[in-house]
Amino acid sequence: SLIGELRDALTPYRDGPCPLQVAYINGRAAATLALGDAWRIHPDDALLARLRGLEGIDRVDVVYA
């Protein structure tokens, strides 16, 4: 499942300083989920590449605020 693949991809990069949000959009609804502190990540090129390679992921963005 996509949720399991996301968990597996993100787990090695957890305990970082960056909060994570997941935007879900389909033909009928859209939602943005702000994941909790346990899912803060260390952003890394390898992580971004892995996320972009997952089936069902259309876009991966890093937003610096």
PDB file of N, CA and C in Angstrom:
ATOM      1  N   SER A   1       0.841  -1.195   0.000  1.00  0.00           N
ATOM      2  CA  SER A   1       0.000   0.000   0.000  1.00  0.00           C
ATOM      3  C   SER A   1       0.884   1.256   0.000  1.00  0.00           C
ATOM      4  N   LEU A   2       0.332   2.336  -0.490  1.00  0.00           N
ATOM      5  CA  LEU A   2       1.091   3.584  -0.551  1.00  0.00           C
ATOM      6  C   LEU A   2       1.482   4.059   0.845  1.00  0.00           C
ATOM      7  N   ILE A   3       0.598   3.903   1.811  1.00  0.00           N
ATOM      8  CA  ILE A   3       0.909   4.342   3.178  1.00  0.00           C
ATOM      9  C   ILE A   3       2.116   3.574   3.717  1.00  0.00           C
ATOM     10  N   GLY A   4       2.145   2.281   3.511  1.00  0.00           N
ATOM     11  CA  GLY A   4       3.282   1.477   3.951  1.00  0.00           C
ATOM     12  C   GLY A   4       4.571   1.865   3.242  1.00  0.00           C
ATOM     13  N   GLU A   5       4.474   2.147   1.947  1.00  0.00           N
ATOM     14  CA  GLU A   5       5.658   2.565   1.197  1.00  0.00           C
ATOM     15  C   GLU A   5       6.158   3.923   1.680  1.00  0.00           C
ATOM     16  N   LEU A   6       5.242   4.836   1.985  1.00  0.00           N
ATOM     17  CA  LEU A   6       5.636   6.135   2.542  1.00  0.00           C
ATOM     18  C   LEU A   6       6.341   5.957   3.879  1.00  0.00           C
ATOM     19  N   ARG A   7       5.759   5.137   4.744  1.00  0.00           N
ATOM     20  CA  ARG A   7       6.363   4.871   6.056  1.00  0.00           C
ATOM     21  C   ARG A   7       7.773   4.318   5.887  1.00  0.00           C
ATOM     22  N   ASP A   8       7.924   3.339   5.014  1.00  0.00           N
ATOM     23  CA  ASP A   8       9.230   2.717   4.804  1.00  0.00           C
ATOM     24  C   ASP A   8      10.246   3.710   4.245  1.00  0.00           C
ATOM     25  N   ALA A   9       9.798   4.587   3.351  1.00  0.00           N
ATOM     26  CA  ALA A   9      10.704   5.579   2.760  1.00  0.00           C
ATOM     27  C   ALA A   9      11.119   6.633   3.777  1.00  0.00           C
ATOM     28  N   LEU A  10      10.192   7.062   4.624  1.00  0.00           N
ATOM     29  CA  LEU A  10      10.449   8.155   5.558  1.00  0.00           C
ATOM     30  C   LEU A  10      11.194   7.728   6.821  1.00  0.00           C
ATOM     31  N   THR A  11      10.993   6.503   7.266  1.00  0.00           N
ATOM     32  CA  THR A  11      11.526   6.058   8.554  1.00  0.00           C
ATOM     33  C   THR A  11      13.022   6.314   8.735  1.00  0.00           C
ATOM     34  N   PRO A  12      13.886   6.028   7.763  1.00  0.00           N
ATOM     35  CA  PRO A  12      15.319   6.273   7.987  1.00  0.00           C
ATOM     36  C   PRO A  12      15.683   7.756   8.132  1.00  0.00           C
ATOM     37  N   TYR A  13      14.779   8.644   7.771  1.00  0.00           N
ATOM     38  CA  TYR A  13      15.066  10.085   7.790  1.00  0.00           C
ATOM     39  C   TYR A  13      14.342  10.809   8.924  1.00  0.00           C
ATOM     40  N   ARG A  14      13.729  10.060   9.821  1.00  0.00           N
ATOM     41  CA  ARG A  14      12.981  10.653  10.933  1.00  0.00           C
ATOM     42  C   ARG A  14      13.909  11.279  11.958  1.00  0.00           C
ATOM     43  N   ASP A  15      13.284  11.983  12.905  1.00  0.00           N
ATOM     44  CA  ASP A  15      13.973  12.670  13.999  1.00  0.00           C
ATOM     45  C   ASP A  15      14.790  13.847  13.496  1.00  0.00           C
ATOM     46  N   GLY A  16      14.335  14.459  12.427  1.00  0.00           N
ATOM     47  CA  GLY A  16      15.003  15.633  11.883  1.00  0.00           C
ATOM     48  C   GLY A  16      14.312  16.918  12.299  1.00  0.00           C
ATOM     49  N   PRO A  17      14.768  18.041  11.780  1.00  0.00           N
ATOM     50  CA  PRO A  17      14.223  19.338  12.159  1.00  0.00           C
ATOM     51  C   PRO A  17      13.037  19.799  11.313  1.00  0.00           C
ATOM     52  N   CYS A  18      12.743  19.111  10.214  1.00  0.00           N
ATOM     53  CA  CYS A  18      11.762  19.620   9.251  1.00  0.00           C
ATOM     54  C   CYS A  18      10.395  18.961   9.410  1.00  0.00           C
ATOM     55  N   PRO A  19       9.353  19.773   9.620  1.00  0.00           N
ATOM     56  CA  PRO A  19       8.002  19.213   9.681  1.00  0.00           C
ATOM     57  C   PRO A  19       7.597  18.687   8.311  1.00  0.00           C
ATOM     58  N   LEU A  20       6.672  17.754   8.312  1.00  0.00           N
ATOM     59  CA  LEU A  20       6.255  17.100   7.076  1.00  0.00           C
ATOM     60  C   LEU A  20       4.754  17.249   6.893  1.00  0.00           C
ATOM     61  N   GLN A  21       4.360  17.626   5.696  1.00  0.00           N
ATOM     62  CA  GLN A  21       2.951  17.685   5.332  1.00  0.00           C
ATOM     63  C   GLN A  21       2.735  16.820   4.110  1.00  0.00           C
ATOM     64  N   VAL A  22       1.572  16.174   4.069  1.00  0.00           N
ATOM     65  CA  VAL A  22       1.196  15.350   2.932  1.00  0.00           C
ATOM     66  C   VAL A  22      -0.098  15.913   2.370  1.00  0.00           C
ATOM     67  N   ALA A  23      -0.081  16.277   1.101  1.00  0.00           N
ATOM     68  CA  ALA A  23      -1.292  16.753   0.426  1.00  0.00           C
ATOM     69  C   ALA A  23      -1.872  15.586  -0.355  1.00  0.00           C
ATOM     70  N   TYR A  24      -3.150  15.317  -0.110  1.00  0.00           N
ATOM     71  CA  TYR A  24      -3.844  14.239  -0.811  1.00  0.00           C
ATOM     72  C   TYR A  24      -4.913  14.871  -1.687  1.00  0.00           C
ATOM     73  N   ILE A  25      -4.889  14.536  -2.962  1.00  0.00           N
ATOM     74  CA  ILE A  25      -5.857  15.100  -3.900  1.00  0.00           C
ATOM     75  C   ILE A  25      -6.342  13.978  -4.808  1.00  0.00           C
ATOM     76  N   ASN A  26      -7.673  13.870  -4.924  1.00  0.00           N
ATOM     77  CA  ASN A  26      -8.236  12.962  -5.920  1.00  0.00           C
ATOM     78  C   ASN A  26      -9.360  13.706  -6.643  1.00  0.00           C
ATOM     79  N   GLY A  27     -10.123  13.034  -7.439  1.00  0.00           N
ATOM     80  CA  GLY A  27     -11.156  13.682  -8.231  1.00  0.00           C
ATOM     81  C   GLY A  27     -12.304  14.269  -7.438  1.00  0.00           C
ATOM     82  N   ARG A  28     -12.427  13.908  -6.169  1.00  0.00           N
ATOM     83  CA  ARG A  28     -13.578  14.346  -5.379  1.00  0.00           C
ATOM     84  C   ARG A  28     -13.229  15.188  -4.171  1.00  0.00           C
ATOM     85  N   ALA A  29     -12.001  15.114  -3.698  1.00  0.00           N
ATOM     86  CA  ALA A  29     -11.656  15.820  -2.463  1.00  0.00           C
ATOM     87  C   ALA A  29     -10.160  16.100  -2.407  1.00  0.00           C
ATOM     88  N   ALA A  30      -9.811  16.999  -1.493  1.00  0.00           N
ATOM     89  CA  ALA A  30      -8.402  17.319  -1.256  1.00  0.00           C
ATOM     90  C   ALA A  30      -8.216  17.595   0.230  1.00  0.00           C
ATOM     91  N   ALA A  31      -7.067  17.198   0.754  1.00  0.00           N
ATOM     92  CA  ALA A  31      -6.757  17.445   2.162  1.00  0.00           C
ATOM     93  C   ALA A  31      -5.245  17.552   2.328  1.00  0.00           C
ATOM     94  N   THR A  32      -4.831  18.370   3.284  1.00  0.00           N
ATOM     95  CA  THR A  32      -3.423  18.454   3.652  1.00  0.00           C
ATOM     96  C   THR A  32      -3.289  17.944   5.078  1.00  0.00           C
ATOM     97  N   LEU A  33      -2.416  16.973   5.261  1.00  0.00           N
ATOM     98  CA  LEU A  33      -2.199  16.372   6.570  1.00  0.00           C
ATOM     99  C   LEU A  33      -0.849  16.824   7.109  1.00  0.00           C
ATOM    100  N   ALA A  34      -0.856  17.473   8.254  1.00  0.00           N
ATOM    101  CA  ALA A  34       0.385  17.856   8.931  1.00  0.00           C
ATOM    102  C   ALA A  34       0.748  16.711   9.871  1.00  0.00           C
ATOM    103  N   LEU A  35       1.834  16.022   9.573  1.00  0.00           N
ATOM    104  CA  LEU A  35       2.238  14.891  10.403  1.00  0.00           C
ATOM    105  C   LEU A  35       2.865  15.391  11.700  1.00  0.00           C
ATOM    106  N   GLY A  36       2.782  14.590  12.740  1.00  0.00           N
ATOM    107  CA  GLY A  36       3.263  14.980  14.058  1.00  0.00           C
ATOM    108  C   GLY A  36       4.781  15.051  14.153  1.00  0.00           C
ATOM    109  N   ASP A  37       5.246  15.502  15.305  1.00  0.00           N
ATOM    110  CA  ASP A  37       6.682  15.683  15.540  1.00  0.00           C
ATOM    111  C   ASP A  37       7.490  14.401  15.338  1.00  0.00           C
ATOM    112  N   ALA A  38       6.888  13.260  15.565  1.00  0.00           N
ATOM    113  CA  ALA A  38       7.593  11.989  15.377  1.00  0.00           C
ATOM    114  C   ALA A  38       7.975  11.766  13.918  1.00  0.00           C
ATOM    115  N   TRP A  39       7.348  12.514  13.015  1.00  0.00           N
ATOM    116  CA  TRP A  39       7.620  12.366  11.587  1.00  0.00           C
ATOM    117  C   TRP A  39       8.381  13.548  11.010  1.00  0.00           C
ATOM    118  N   ARG A  40       9.033  14.337  11.859  1.00  0.00           N
ATOM    119  CA  ARG A  40       9.932  15.374  11.339  1.00  0.00           C
ATOM    120  C   ARG A  40      11.101  14.665  10.675  1.00  0.00           C
ATOM    121  N   ILE A  41      11.566  15.214   9.571  1.00  0.00           N
ATOM    122  CA  ILE A  41      12.577  14.506   8.789  1.00  0.00           C
ATOM    123  C   ILE A  41      13.844  15.324   8.577  1.00  0.00           C
ATOM    124  N   HIS A  42      14.885  14.606   8.182  1.00  0.00           N
ATOM    125  CA  HIS A  42      16.117  15.191   7.652  1.00  0.00           C
ATOM    126  C   HIS A  42      15.956  15.146   6.132  1.00  0.00           C
ATOM    127  N   PRO A  43      15.717  16.278   5.467  1.00  0.00           N
ATOM    128  CA  PRO A  43      15.559  16.223   4.013  1.00  0.00           C
ATOM    129  C   PRO A  43      16.876  15.806   3.354  1.00  0.00           C
ATOM    130  N   ASP A  44      16.772  15.004   2.341  1.00  0.00           N
ATOM    131  CA  ASP A  44      17.958  14.442   1.696  1.00  0.00           C
ATOM    132  C   ASP A  44      17.598  14.131   0.240  1.00  0.00           C
ATOM    133  N   ASP A  45      18.538  14.300  -0.658  1.00  0.00           N
ATOM    134  CA  ASP A  45      18.273  14.030  -2.074  1.00  0.00           C
ATOM    135  C   ASP A  45      17.819  12.592  -2.307  1.00  0.00           C
ATOM    136  N   ALA A  46      18.397  11.651  -1.566  1.00  0.00           N
ATOM    137  CA  ALA A  46      18.018  10.245  -1.727  1.00  0.00           C
ATOM    138  C   ALA A  46      16.571  10.025  -1.301  1.00  0.00           C
ATOM    139  N   LEU A  47      16.149  10.680  -0.227  1.00  0.00           N
ATOM    140  CA  LEU A  47      14.757  10.567   0.213  1.00  0.00           C
ATOM    141  C   LEU A  47      13.826  11.150  -0.837  1.00  0.00           C
ATOM    142  N   LEU A  48      14.143  12.329  -1.335  1.00  0.00           N
ATOM    143  CA  LEU A  48      13.287  12.962  -2.339  1.00  0.00           C
ATOM    144  C   LEU A  48      13.173  12.089  -3.582  1.00  0.00           C
ATOM    145  N   ALA A  49      14.273  11.508  -4.014  1.00  0.00           N
ATOM    146  CA  ALA A  49      14.245  10.626  -5.183  1.00  0.00           C
ATOM    147  C   ALA A  49      13.380   9.396  -4.920  1.00  0.00           C
ATOM    148  N   ARG A  50      13.503   8.844  -3.719  1.00  0.00           N
ATOM    149  CA  ARG A  50      12.696   7.657  -3.392  1.00  0.00           C
ATOM    150  C   ARG A  50      11.214   7.998  -3.370  1.00  0.00           C
ATOM    151  N   LEU A  51      10.859   9.132  -2.774  1.00  0.00           N
ATOM    152  CA  LEU A  51       9.457   9.540  -2.738  1.00  0.00           C
ATOM    153  C   LEU A  51       8.920   9.784  -4.142  1.00  0.00           C
ATOM    154  N   ARG A  52       9.707  10.428  -4.971  1.00  0.00           N
ATOM    155  CA  ARG A  52       9.275  10.713  -6.350  1.00  0.00           C
ATOM    156  C   ARG A  52       9.094   9.432  -7.161  1.00  0.00           C
ATOM    157  N   GLY A  53       9.750   8.370  -6.761  1.00  0.00           N
ATOM    158  CA  GLY A  53       9.641   7.105  -7.471  1.00  0.00           C
ATOM    159  C   GLY A  53       8.475   6.235  -7.046  1.00  0.00           C
ATOM    160  N   LEU A  54       7.760   6.633  -6.003  1.00  0.00           N
ATOM    161  CA  LEU A  54       6.642   5.822  -5.525  1.00  0.00           C
ATOM    162  C   LEU A  54       5.434   5.962  -6.442  1.00  0.00           C
ATOM    163  N   GLU A  55       4.799   4.840  -6.743  1.00  0.00           N
ATOM    164  CA  GLU A  55       3.563   4.830  -7.524  1.00  0.00           C
ATOM    165  C   GLU A  55       2.481   5.577  -6.750  1.00  0.00           C
ATOM    166  N   GLY A  56       1.827   6.527  -7.388  1.00  0.00           N
ATOM    167  CA  GLY A  56       0.778   7.300  -6.735  1.00  0.00           C
ATOM    168  C   GLY A  56       1.248   8.648  -6.221  1.00  0.00           C
ATOM    169  N   ILE A  57       2.545   8.898  -6.251  1.00  0.00           N
ATOM    170  CA  ILE A  57       3.086  10.198  -5.847  1.00  0.00           C
ATOM    171  C   ILE A  57       3.298  11.019  -7.113  1.00  0.00           C
ATOM    172  N   ASP A  58       2.596  12.134  -7.209  1.00  0.00           N
ATOM    173  CA  ASP A  58       2.712  12.978  -8.402  1.00  0.00           C
ATOM    174  C   ASP A  58       3.741  14.082  -8.252  1.00  0.00           C
ATOM    175  N   ARG A  59       3.964  14.521  -7.016  1.00  0.00           N
ATOM    176  CA  ARG A  59       4.870  15.652  -6.825  1.00  0.00           C
ATOM    177  C   ARG A  59       5.442  15.625  -5.417  1.00  0.00           C
ATOM    178  N   VAL A  60       6.713  15.994  -5.298  1.00  0.00           N
ATOM    179  CA  VAL A  60       7.381  16.126  -4.004  1.00  0.00           C
ATOM    180  C   VAL A  60       8.035  17.493  -3.992  1.00  0.00           C
ATOM    181  N   ASP A  61       7.707  18.308  -2.997  1.00  0.00           N
ATOM    182  CA  ASP A  61       8.261  19.656  -2.880  1.00  0.00           C
ATOM    183  C   ASP A  61       8.913  19.841  -1.522  1.00  0.00           C
ATOM    184  N   VAL A  62       9.983  20.599  -1.493  1.00  0.00           N
ATOM    185  CA  VAL A  62      10.586  21.056  -0.245  1.00  0.00           C
ATOM    186  C   VAL A  62      10.304  22.548  -0.170  1.00  0.00           C
ATOM    187  N   VAL A  63       9.666  22.968   0.921  1.00  0.00           N
ATOM    188  CA  VAL A  63       9.304  24.374   1.097  1.00  0.00           C
ATOM    189  C   VAL A  63      10.091  24.916   2.280  1.00  0.00           C
ATOM    190  N   TYR A  64      10.900  25.915   2.018  1.00  0.00           N
ATOM    191  CA  TYR A  64      11.673  26.554   3.080  1.00  0.00           C
ATOM    192  C   TYR A  64      10.929  27.801   3.519  1.00  0.00           C
ATOM    193  N   ALA A  65      10.708  27.912   4.823  1.00  0.00           N
ATOM    194  CA  ALA A  65       9.962  29.069   5.339  1.00  0.00           C
ATOM    195  C   ALA A  65      10.847  29.918   6.221  1.00  0.00           C
TER     196      ALA A  65
END
